[in-house]
Amino acid sequence: MMKIDLTGTHEENMTAINNAEISEEFKAHIRKDLQEQVDRCLSSCFGVDLDIEHEKNSIPIHELVPKGMTIKEYFGND
């Protein structure tokens, strides 16, 4: 039985899989399974669409910059 340590970063995990003495088919299976686990974890942990959340919490630029002032003037760029 061979053990592969997949507790590191994504890069470390991919290196461990690539260096393992197993078939390419099994490597592909492990990569797919690992990605499914990561996706499942992220969706259950966060469950938030960050694009929608960002849009709800953002301030439109026309509300931020005072009337009559340019964006460059507001942010101090010449």
PDB file of N, CA and C in Angstrom:
ATOM      1  N   MET A   1       0.840  -1.164   0.000  1.00  0.00           N
ATOM      2  CA  MET A   1       0.000   0.000   0.000  1.00  0.00           C
ATOM      3  C   MET A   1       0.892   1.235   0.000  1.00  0.00           C
ATOM      4  N   MET A   2       0.499   2.227  -0.813  1.00  0.00           N
ATOM      5  CA  MET A   2       1.269   3.462  -0.915  1.00  0.00           C
ATOM      6  C   MET A   2       0.452   4.600  -0.323  1.00  0.00           C
ATOM      7  N   LYS A   3       1.101   5.440   0.469  1.00  0.00           N
ATOM      8  CA  LYS A   3       0.438   6.612   1.032  1.00  0.00           C
ATOM      9  C   LYS A   3       0.955   7.850   0.314  1.00  0.00           C
ATOM     10  N   ILE A   4       0.017   8.742   0.017  1.00  0.00           N
ATOM     11  CA  ILE A   4       0.367  10.014  -0.613  1.00  0.00           C
ATOM     12  C   ILE A   4      -0.142  11.115   0.307  1.00  0.00           C
ATOM     13  N   ASP A   5       0.753  11.982   0.740  1.00  0.00           N
ATOM     14  CA  ASP A   5       0.378  13.075   1.642  1.00  0.00           C
ATOM     15  C   ASP A   5      -0.223  14.211   0.827  1.00  0.00           C
ATOM     16  N   LEU A   6      -1.545  14.431   1.017  1.00  0.00           N
ATOM     17  CA  LEU A   6      -2.239  15.489   0.299  1.00  0.00           C
ATOM     18  C   LEU A   6      -2.746  16.545   1.266  1.00  0.00           C
ATOM     19  N   THR A   7      -1.938  16.863   2.269  1.00  0.00           N
ATOM     20  CA  THR A   7      -2.340  17.843   3.277  1.00  0.00           C
ATOM     21  C   THR A   7      -1.667  19.194   3.086  1.00  0.00           C
ATOM     22  N   GLY A   8      -0.908  19.346   2.004  1.00  0.00           N
ATOM     23  CA  GLY A   8      -0.179  20.596   1.776  1.00  0.00           C
ATOM     24  C   GLY A   8      -0.953  21.558   0.902  1.00  0.00           C
ATOM     25  N   THR A   9      -0.219  22.463   0.309  1.00  0.00           N
ATOM     26  CA  THR A   9      -0.811  23.419  -0.618  1.00  0.00           C
ATOM     27  C   THR A   9      -1.192  22.691  -1.901  1.00  0.00           C
ATOM     28  N   HIS A  10      -1.914  23.379  -2.769  1.00  0.00           N
ATOM     29  CA  HIS A  10      -2.307  22.778  -4.051  1.00  0.00           C
ATOM     30  C   HIS A  10      -1.065  22.336  -4.823  1.00  0.00           C
ATOM     31  N   GLU A  11      -0.070  23.208  -4.862  1.00  0.00           N
ATOM     32  CA  GLU A  11       1.160  22.880  -5.595  1.00  0.00           C
ATOM     33  C   GLU A  11       1.860  21.662  -4.993  1.00  0.00           C
ATOM     34  N   GLU A  12       1.940  21.598  -3.671  1.00  0.00           N
ATOM     35  CA  GLU A  12       2.569  20.448  -3.008  1.00  0.00           C
ATOM     36  C   GLU A  12       1.794  19.167  -3.277  1.00  0.00           C
ATOM     37  N   ASN A  13       0.468  19.272  -3.252  1.00  0.00           N
ATOM     38  CA  ASN A  13      -0.355  18.090  -3.516  1.00  0.00           C
ATOM     39  C   ASN A  13      -0.171  17.585  -4.940  1.00  0.00           C
ATOM     40  N   MET A  14      -0.136  18.502  -5.915  1.00  0.00           N
ATOM     41  CA  MET A  14       0.047  18.095  -7.305  1.00  0.00           C
ATOM     42  C   MET A  14       1.425  17.474  -7.509  1.00  0.00           C
ATOM     43  N   THR A  15       2.433  18.014  -6.840  1.00  0.00           N
ATOM     44  CA  THR A  15       3.777  17.443  -6.927  1.00  0.00           C
ATOM     45  C   THR A  15       3.794  16.036  -6.340  1.00  0.00           C
ATOM     46  N   ALA A  16       3.133  15.852  -5.189  1.00  0.00           N
ATOM     47  CA  ALA A  16       3.075  14.530  -4.557  1.00  0.00           C
ATOM     48  C   ALA A  16       2.385  13.526  -5.471  1.00  0.00           C
ATOM     49  N   ILE A  17       1.298  13.947  -6.101  1.00  0.00           N
ATOM     50  CA  ILE A  17       0.591  13.044  -7.020  1.00  0.00           C
ATOM     51  C   ILE A  17       1.466  12.725  -8.222  1.00  0.00           C
ATOM     52  N   ASN A  18       2.084  13.748  -8.802  1.00  0.00           N
ATOM     53  CA  ASN A  18       2.931  13.539  -9.986  1.00  0.00           C
ATOM     54  C   ASN A  18       4.113  12.626  -9.697  1.00  0.00           C
ATOM     55  N   ASN A  19       4.663  12.701  -8.481  1.00  0.00           N
ATOM     56  CA  ASN A  19       5.848  11.898  -8.134  1.00  0.00           C
ATOM     57  C   ASN A  19       5.502  10.505  -7.617  1.00  0.00           C
ATOM     58  N   ALA A  20       4.231  10.235  -7.372  1.00  0.00           N
ATOM     59  CA  ALA A  20       3.831   8.928  -6.854  1.00  0.00           C
ATOM     60  C   ALA A  20       4.029   7.853  -7.930  1.00  0.00           C
ATOM     61  N   GLU A  21       4.406   6.673  -7.483  1.00  0.00           N
ATOM     62  CA  GLU A  21       4.632   5.558  -8.410  1.00  0.00           C
ATOM     63  C   GLU A  21       3.318   4.799  -8.612  1.00  0.00           C
ATOM     64  N   ILE A  22       2.403   5.453  -9.299  1.00  0.00           N
ATOM     65  CA  ILE A  22       1.097   4.878  -9.622  1.00  0.00           C
ATOM     66  C   ILE A  22       0.792   5.205 -11.078  1.00  0.00           C
ATOM     67  N   SER A  23      -0.216   4.562 -11.627  1.00  0.00           N
ATOM     68  CA  SER A  23      -0.547   4.768 -13.043  1.00  0.00           C
ATOM     69  C   SER A  23      -1.089   6.175 -13.280  1.00  0.00           C
ATOM     70  N   GLU A  24      -0.966   6.625 -14.508  1.00  0.00           N
ATOM     71  CA  GLU A  24      -1.482   7.945 -14.883  1.00  0.00           C
ATOM     72  C   GLU A  24      -2.995   8.014 -14.699  1.00  0.00           C
ATOM     73  N   GLU A  25      -3.679   6.901 -14.946  1.00  0.00           N
ATOM     74  CA  GLU A  25      -5.129   6.860 -14.771  1.00  0.00           C
ATOM     75  C   GLU A  25      -5.501   7.082 -13.308  1.00  0.00           C
ATOM     76  N   PHE A  26      -4.748   6.446 -12.409  1.00  0.00           N
ATOM     77  CA  PHE A  26      -5.045   6.605 -10.979  1.00  0.00           C
ATOM     78  C   PHE A  26      -4.685   8.022 -10.518  1.00  0.00           C
ATOM     79  N   LYS A  27      -3.627   8.595 -11.079  1.00  0.00           N
ATOM     80  CA  LYS A  27      -3.272   9.980 -10.759  1.00  0.00           C
ATOM     81  C   LYS A  27      -4.418  10.913 -11.159  1.00  0.00           C
ATOM     82  N   ALA A  28      -4.989  10.689 -12.359  1.00  0.00           N
ATOM     83  CA  ALA A  28      -6.106  11.502 -12.822  1.00  0.00           C
ATOM     84  C   ALA A  28      -7.304  11.337 -11.891  1.00  0.00           C
ATOM     85  N   HIS A  29      -7.543  10.105 -11.432  1.00  0.00           N
ATOM     86  CA  HIS A  29      -8.643   9.845 -10.508  1.00  0.00           C
ATOM     87  C   HIS A  29      -8.427  10.600  -9.186  1.00  0.00           C
ATOM     88  N   ILE A  30      -7.222  10.576  -8.665  1.00  0.00           N
ATOM     89  CA  ILE A  30      -6.920  11.264  -7.396  1.00  0.00           C
ATOM     90  C   ILE A  30      -7.084  12.771  -7.567  1.00  0.00           C
ATOM     91  N   ARG A  31      -6.586  13.323  -8.675  1.00  0.00           N
ATOM     92  CA  ARG A  31      -6.734  14.764  -8.922  1.00  0.00           C
ATOM     93  C   ARG A  31      -8.206  15.162  -8.971  1.00  0.00           C
ATOM     94  N   LYS A  32      -9.008  14.376  -9.685  1.00  0.00           N
ATOM     95  CA  LYS A  32     -10.438  14.667  -9.812  1.00  0.00           C
ATOM     96  C   LYS A  32     -11.119  14.584  -8.440  1.00  0.00           C
ATOM     97  N   ASP A  33     -10.821  13.541  -7.682  1.00  0.00           N
ATOM     98  CA  ASP A  33     -11.419  13.365  -6.360  1.00  0.00           C
ATOM     99  C   ASP A  33     -11.003  14.492  -5.421  1.00  0.00           C
ATOM    100  N   LEU A  34      -9.751  14.877  -5.458  1.00  0.00           N
ATOM    101  CA  LEU A  34      -9.255  15.963  -4.614  1.00  0.00           C
ATOM    102  C   LEU A  34      -9.972  17.271  -4.950  1.00  0.00           C
ATOM    103  N   GLN A  35     -10.142  17.557  -6.249  1.00  0.00           N
ATOM    104  CA  GLN A  35     -10.834  18.775  -6.658  1.00  0.00           C
ATOM    105  C   GLN A  35     -12.290  18.760  -6.213  1.00  0.00           C
ATOM    106  N   GLU A  36     -12.942  17.601  -6.302  1.00  0.00           N
ATOM    107  CA  GLU A  36     -14.335  17.485  -5.849  1.00  0.00           C
ATOM    108  C   GLU A  36     -14.439  17.741  -4.348  1.00  0.00           C
ATOM    109  N   GLN A  37     -13.487  17.230  -3.580  1.00  0.00           N
ATOM    110  CA  GLN A  37     -13.497  17.454  -2.130  1.00  0.00           C
ATOM    111  C   GLN A  37     -13.289  18.929  -1.803  1.00  0.00           C
ATOM    112  N   VAL A  38     -12.371  19.575  -2.500  1.00  0.00           N
ATOM    113  CA  VAL A  38     -12.118  21.004  -2.278  1.00  0.00           C
ATOM    114  C   VAL A  38     -13.368  21.812  -2.628  1.00  0.00           C
ATOM    115  N   ASP A  39     -13.987  21.509  -3.770  1.00  0.00           N
ATOM    116  CA  ASP A  39     -15.205  22.215  -4.180  1.00  0.00           C
ATOM    117  C   ASP A  39     -16.323  22.023  -3.165  1.00  0.00           C
ATOM    118  N   ARG A  40     -16.497  20.800  -2.695  1.00  0.00           N
ATOM    119  CA  ARG A  40     -17.535  20.489  -1.703  1.00  0.00           C
ATOM    120  C   ARG A  40     -17.278  21.250  -0.403  1.00  0.00           C
ATOM    121  N   CYS A  41     -16.036  21.299   0.020  1.00  0.00           N
ATOM    122  CA  CYS A  41     -15.677  21.996   1.252  1.00  0.00           C
ATOM    123  C   CYS A  41     -15.928  23.493   1.118  1.00  0.00           C
ATOM    124  N   LEU A  42     -15.490  24.068   0.006  1.00  0.00           N
ATOM    125  CA  LEU A  42     -15.666  25.504  -0.190  1.00  0.00           C
ATOM    126  C   LEU A  42     -17.138  25.884  -0.281  1.00  0.00           C
ATOM    127  N   SER A  43     -17.929  25.080  -0.968  1.00  0.00           N
ATOM    128  CA  SER A  43     -19.340  25.421  -1.106  1.00  0.00           C
ATOM    129  C   SER A  43     -20.081  25.279   0.220  1.00  0.00           C
ATOM    130  N   SER A  44     -19.687  24.312   1.045  1.00  0.00           N
ATOM    131  CA  SER A  44     -20.367  24.153   2.329  1.00  0.00           C
ATOM    132  C   SER A  44     -19.870  25.160   3.358  1.00  0.00           C
ATOM    133  N   CYS A  45     -18.598  25.536   3.255  1.00  0.00           N
ATOM    134  CA  CYS A  45     -18.040  26.489   4.214  1.00  0.00           C
ATOM    135  C   CYS A  45     -18.497  27.907   3.934  1.00  0.00           C
ATOM    136  N   PHE A  46     -18.535  28.253   2.675  1.00  0.00           N
ATOM    137  CA  PHE A  46     -18.834  29.632   2.325  1.00  0.00           C
ATOM    138  C   PHE A  46     -20.264  29.788   1.833  1.00  0.00           C
ATOM    139  N   GLY A  47     -20.634  29.016   0.837  1.00  0.00           N
ATOM    140  CA  GLY A  47     -21.987  29.067   0.320  1.00  0.00           C
ATOM    141  C   GLY A  47     -22.417  30.445  -0.155  1.00  0.00           C
ATOM    142  N   VAL A  48     -21.458  31.291  -0.462  1.00  0.00           N
ATOM    143  CA  VAL A  48     -21.759  32.656  -0.865  1.00  0.00           C
ATOM    144  C   VAL A  48     -21.163  32.898  -2.240  1.00  0.00           C
ATOM    145  N   ASP A  49     -21.968  33.439  -3.137  1.00  0.00           N
ATOM    146  CA  ASP A  49     -21.456  33.840  -4.443  1.00  0.00           C
ATOM    147  C   ASP A  49     -20.777  35.192  -4.245  1.00  0.00           C
ATOM    148  N   LEU A  50     -19.460  35.208  -4.294  1.00  0.00           N
ATOM    149  CA  LEU A  50     -18.714  36.426  -3.978  1.00  0.00           C
ATOM    150  C   LEU A  50     -18.979  37.551  -4.966  1.00  0.00           C
ATOM    151  N   ASP A  51     -19.278  37.237  -6.225  1.00  0.00           N
ATOM    152  CA  ASP A  51     -19.598  38.285  -7.190  1.00  0.00           C
ATOM    153  C   ASP A  51     -20.878  39.012  -6.786  1.00  0.00           C
ATOM    154  N   ILE A  52     -21.905  38.266  -6.422  1.00  0.00           N
ATOM    155  CA  ILE A  52     -23.174  38.871  -6.005  1.00  0.00           C
ATOM    156  C   ILE A  52     -22.983  39.623  -4.696  1.00  0.00           C
ATOM    157  N   GLU A  53     -22.267  39.040  -3.761  1.00  0.00           N
ATOM    158  CA  GLU A  53     -22.032  39.681  -2.463  1.00  0.00           C
ATOM    159  C   GLU A  53     -21.273  40.996  -2.640  1.00  0.00           C
ATOM    160  N   HIS A  54     -20.290  40.993  -3.533  1.00  0.00           N
ATOM    161  CA  HIS A  54     -19.510  42.210  -3.797  1.00  0.00           C
ATOM    162  C   HIS A  54     -20.404  43.302  -4.377  1.00  0.00           C
ATOM    163  N   GLU A  55     -21.259  42.920  -5.326  1.00  0.00           N
ATOM    164  CA  GLU A  55     -22.154  43.906  -5.944  1.00  0.00           C
ATOM    165  C   GLU A  55     -23.115  44.492  -4.918  1.00  0.00           C
ATOM    166  N   LYS A  56     -23.627  43.660  -4.002  1.00  0.00           N
ATOM    167  CA  LYS A  56     -24.554  44.150  -2.984  1.00  0.00           C
ATOM    168  C   LYS A  56     -23.872  45.115  -2.029  1.00  0.00           C
ATOM    169  N   ASN A  57     -22.585  44.899  -1.746  1.00  0.00           N
ATOM    170  CA  ASN A  57     -21.879  45.695  -0.750  1.00  0.00           C
ATOM    171  C   ASN A  57     -21.067  46.845  -1.338  1.00  0.00           C
ATOM    172  N   SER A  58     -21.066  46.987  -2.650  1.00  0.00           N
ATOM    173  CA  SER A  58     -20.250  48.038  -3.255  1.00  0.00           C
ATOM    174  C   SER A  58     -21.023  49.350  -3.349  1.00  0.00           C
ATOM    175  N   ILE A  59     -20.272  50.423  -3.435  1.00  0.00           N
ATOM    176  CA  ILE A  59     -20.856  51.755  -3.571  1.00  0.00           C
ATOM    177  C   ILE A  59     -20.625  52.212  -5.003  1.00  0.00           C
ATOM    178  N   PRO A  60     -21.696  52.555  -5.730  1.00  0.00           N
ATOM    179  CA  PRO A  60     -21.505  53.042  -7.109  1.00  0.00           C
ATOM    180  C   PRO A  60     -20.612  54.283  -7.118  1.00  0.00           C
ATOM    181  N   ILE A  61     -19.739  54.370  -8.105  1.00  0.00           N
ATOM    182  CA  ILE A  61     -18.763  55.461  -8.170  1.00  0.00           C
ATOM    183  C   ILE A  61     -19.449  56.829  -8.216  1.00  0.00           C
ATOM    184  N   HIS A  62     -20.625  56.924  -8.856  1.00  0.00           N
ATOM    185  CA  HIS A  62     -21.306  58.224  -8.941  1.00  0.00           C
ATOM    186  C   HIS A  62     -21.824  58.686  -7.574  1.00  0.00           C
ATOM    187  N   GLU A  63     -21.979  57.743  -6.636  1.00  0.00           N
ATOM    188  CA  GLU A  63     -22.376  58.124  -5.277  1.00  0.00           C
ATOM    189  C   GLU A  63     -21.168  58.482  -4.417  1.00  0.00           C
ATOM    190  N   LEU A  64     -20.011  58.031  -4.827  1.00  0.00           N
ATOM    191  CA  LEU A  64     -18.792  58.258  -4.062  1.00  0.00           C
ATOM    192  C   LEU A  64     -18.151  59.605  -4.396  1.00  0.00           C
ATOM    193  N   VAL A  65     -18.077  59.929  -5.685  1.00  0.00           N
ATOM    194  CA  VAL A  65     -17.429  61.160  -6.140  1.00  0.00           C
ATOM    195  C   VAL A  65     -18.441  62.307  -6.091  1.00  0.00           C
ATOM    196  N   PRO A  66     -18.111  63.400  -5.398  1.00  0.00           N
ATOM    197  CA  PRO A  66     -19.028  64.539  -5.322  1.00  0.00           C
ATOM    198  C   PRO A  66     -19.341  65.116  -6.705  1.00  0.00           C
ATOM    199  N   LYS A  67     -20.561  65.607  -6.851  1.00  0.00           N
ATOM    200  CA  LYS A  67     -21.010  66.191  -8.108  1.00  0.00           C
ATOM    201  C   LYS A  67     -20.089  67.349  -8.508  1.00  0.00           C
ATOM    202  N   GLY A  68     -19.695  67.368  -9.766  1.00  0.00           N
ATOM    203  CA  GLY A  68     -18.828  68.423 -10.267  1.00  0.00           C
ATOM    204  C   GLY A  68     -17.346  68.103 -10.152  1.00  0.00           C
ATOM    205  N   MET A  69     -16.984  67.023  -9.481  1.00  0.00           N
ATOM    206  CA  MET A  69     -15.583  66.646  -9.313  1.00  0.00           C
ATOM    207  C   MET A  69     -15.296  65.437 -10.201  1.00  0.00           C
ATOM    208  N   THR A  70     -14.122  65.402 -10.818  1.00  0.00           N
ATOM    209  CA  THR A  70     -13.760  64.255 -11.645  1.00  0.00           C
ATOM    210  C   THR A  70     -13.213  63.145 -10.758  1.00  0.00           C
ATOM    211  N   ILE A  71     -13.187  61.958 -11.304  1.00  0.00           N
ATOM    212  CA  ILE A  71     -12.645  60.811 -10.561  1.00  0.00           C
ATOM    213  C   ILE A  71     -11.180  61.039 -10.250  1.00  0.00           C
ATOM    214  N   LYS A  72     -10.444  61.621 -11.210  1.00  0.00           N
ATOM    215  CA  LYS A  72      -9.015  61.887 -10.998  1.00  0.00           C
ATOM    216  C   LYS A  72      -8.833  62.887  -9.857  1.00  0.00           C
ATOM    217  N   GLU A  73      -9.666  63.905  -9.822  1.00  0.00           N
ATOM    218  CA  GLU A  73      -9.580  64.895  -8.736  1.00  0.00           C
ATOM    219  C   GLU A  73      -9.877  64.233  -7.389  1.00  0.00           C
ATOM    220  N   TYR A  74     -10.913  63.409  -7.360  1.00  0.00           N
ATOM    221  CA  TYR A  74     -11.314  62.761  -6.115  1.00  0.00           C
ATOM    222  C   TYR A  74     -10.214  61.864  -5.545  1.00  0.00           C
ATOM    223  N   PHE A  75      -9.600  61.072  -6.442  1.00  0.00           N
ATOM    224  CA  PHE A  75      -8.580  60.137  -5.980  1.00  0.00           C
ATOM    225  C   PHE A  75      -7.179  60.744  -5.980  1.00  0.00           C
ATOM    226  N   GLY A  76      -7.061  62.007  -6.369  1.00  0.00           N
ATOM    227  CA  GLY A  76      -5.772  62.690  -6.271  1.00  0.00           C
ATOM    228  C   GLY A  76      -4.803  62.390  -7.378  1.00  0.00           C
ATOM    229  N   ASN A  77      -5.267  61.830  -8.493  1.00  0.00           N
ATOM    230  CA  ASN A  77      -4.364  61.562  -9.628  1.00  0.00           C
ATOM    231  C   ASN A  77      -4.348  62.750 -10.560  1.00  0.00           C
ATOM    232  N   ASP A  78      -3.185  63.106 -11.035  1.00  0.00           N
ATOM    233  CA  ASP A  78      -3.061  64.230 -11.973  1.00  0.00           C
ATOM    234  C   ASP A  78      -3.181  63.758 -13.401  1.00  0.00           C
TER     235      ASP A  78
END
